[in-house]
Amino acid sequence: MKKLNKIVEALENLKVKDLAVYDFEKTSPFYDYFVICTTNERQGSAAINHLKKALEAEEIRHIEGKGGSWVLIDCHEVIVHLFTEEDRQYYAFDKRLMDVKRVK
C-alpha cells in the first residue's frame, strides 16, 4: 500500500485527470492494483519521470508505450495506465472494471 500511495501522490502532483484506483488484491495473482488516469502527452512523459523519482529503481519493472497515447508502467503489484482522453474512452477500462472494487 505504501507504493500505491507514492504512485497516487506523484500523479496527483501532476494534476492528472480522473485518477482511479482499482483493487485486484483478492482476484488477480499477477497484480494488486490498477491505477488509471487521463493525461496529455506532456503529462505522460512527466509522469514517468515523477514515478522514477518517487520509487526505487527496482520497483518499476517495465514501461510500455513511452510517448504514445497509452502508457503502461509495470510496478510489480501496481499497474499504472496513462491514457489520453480519446484512448481512455476508446478502451473503456472504467466501464469494464465496474465490478472491481474502486479504492479511490
Protein backbone atom coordinates (compact mmCIF):
# COMPACT_ATOMS: atom_id res chain seq x y z
CA MET A 1 0.00 0.00 0.00
CA LYS A 2 2.97 2.30 0.60
CA LYS A 3 4.00 2.00 -3.06
CA LEU A 4 0.43 2.67 -4.20
CA ASN A 5 0.32 5.84 -2.09
CA LYS A 6 3.61 7.07 -3.61
CA ILE A 7 2.27 6.47 -7.12
CA VAL A 8 -1.03 8.21 -6.46
CA GLU A 9 0.70 11.17 -4.82
CA ALA A 10 3.14 11.56 -7.73
CA LEU A 11 0.27 11.53 -10.25
CA GLU A 12 -1.89 13.91 -8.21
CA ASN A 13 1.02 16.36 -8.07
CA LEU A 14 0.94 16.41 -11.88
CA LYS A 15 -2.77 17.31 -11.82
CA VAL A 16 -3.76 14.32 -13.96
CA LYS A 17 -7.47 13.96 -14.70
CA ASP A 18 -9.90 11.31 -13.49
CA LEU A 19 -7.47 9.31 -11.36
CA ALA A 20 -8.95 5.94 -10.40
CA VAL A 21 -7.51 3.03 -8.42
CA TYR A 22 -8.99 -0.46 -8.74
CA ASP A 23 -8.34 -3.21 -6.18
CA PHE A 24 -7.47 -6.63 -7.64
CA GLU A 25 -5.72 -7.85 -4.49
CA LYS A 26 -8.03 -10.83 -3.99
CA THR A 27 -8.81 -11.55 -7.65
CA SER A 28 -5.52 -11.47 -9.58
CA PRO A 29 -2.35 -13.49 -8.99
CA PHE A 30 -0.31 -11.01 -11.08
CA TYR A 31 -1.06 -7.58 -9.60
CA ASP A 32 -2.95 -5.98 -6.72
CA TYR A 33 -3.97 -2.60 -8.14
CA PHE A 34 -4.67 -0.82 -11.41
CA VAL A 35 -4.11 2.93 -11.40
CA ILE A 36 -5.78 4.65 -14.35
CA CYS A 37 -5.70 8.33 -15.24
CA THR A 38 -6.05 10.70 -18.15
CA THR A 39 -3.02 12.70 -19.25
CA ASN A 40 -1.92 14.76 -22.17
CA GLU A 41 1.36 13.86 -23.93
CA ARG A 42 3.45 16.20 -21.80
CA GLN A 43 1.94 14.93 -18.54
CA GLY A 44 2.53 11.34 -19.64
CA SER A 45 6.24 11.93 -20.06
CA ALA A 46 6.40 13.87 -16.80
CA ALA A 47 4.53 11.08 -15.00
CA ILE A 48 7.19 8.57 -15.98
CA ASN A 49 9.91 10.86 -14.60
CA HIS A 50 7.96 11.58 -11.40
CA LEU A 51 7.35 7.88 -10.79
CA LYS A 52 11.03 7.09 -11.36
CA LYS A 53 11.90 9.68 -8.69
CA ALA A 54 9.18 8.56 -6.26
CA LEU A 55 10.01 4.84 -6.47
CA GLU A 56 13.17 2.80 -6.16
CA ALA A 57 14.67 1.71 -9.49
CA GLU A 58 13.75 -1.93 -8.94
CA GLU A 59 10.12 -1.03 -8.18
CA ILE A 60 9.50 -0.25 -11.85
CA ARG A 61 9.71 -3.45 -13.87
CA HIS A 62 8.84 -2.12 -17.34
CA ILE A 63 7.44 0.89 -19.19
CA GLU A 64 5.49 0.31 -22.40
CA GLY A 65 4.34 2.93 -24.92
CA LYS A 66 6.52 5.91 -23.96
CA GLY A 67 5.36 8.99 -25.84
CA GLY A 68 2.19 7.24 -27.01
CA SER A 69 -1.47 7.70 -26.23
CA TRP A 70 -1.48 4.78 -23.77
CA VAL A 71 1.47 4.27 -21.45
CA LEU A 72 1.64 1.23 -19.18
CA ILE A 73 4.01 1.27 -16.24
CA ASP A 74 4.52 -2.09 -14.53
CA CYS A 75 5.41 -1.52 -10.89
CA HIS A 76 5.09 -5.21 -9.97
CA GLU A 77 1.92 -5.34 -7.86
CA VAL A 78 0.69 -1.96 -9.16
CA ILE A 79 0.00 -1.43 -12.86
CA VAL A 80 -0.30 2.20 -13.97
CA HIS A 81 -2.20 3.12 -17.14
CA LEU A 82 -1.82 6.64 -18.52
CA PHE A 83 -4.35 7.34 -21.26
CA THR A 84 -5.07 10.29 -23.48
CA GLU A 85 -8.71 11.33 -23.26
CA GLU A 86 -9.54 9.65 -26.59
CA ASP A 87 -7.89 6.33 -25.75
CA ARG A 88 -9.43 6.19 -22.29
CA GLN A 89 -12.86 6.50 -23.86
CA TYR A 90 -12.00 4.03 -26.63
CA TYR A 91 -10.65 1.26 -24.36
CA ALA A 92 -13.27 1.98 -21.67
CA PHE A 93 -11.39 0.35 -18.80
CA ASP A 94 -13.58 2.16 -16.30
CA LYS A 95 -16.70 0.51 -17.76
CA ARG A 96 -15.01 -2.89 -18.00
CA LEU A 97 -13.92 -2.67 -14.36
CA MET A 98 -17.30 -1.67 -12.93
CA ASP A 99 -17.46 -4.88 -10.87
CA VAL A 100 -14.00 -4.34 -9.39
CA LYS A 101 -13.72 -2.55 -6.06
CA ARG A 102 -12.57 1.04 -6.56
CA VAL A 103 -10.12 2.32 -3.94
CA LYS A 104 -10.06 5.98 -4.89
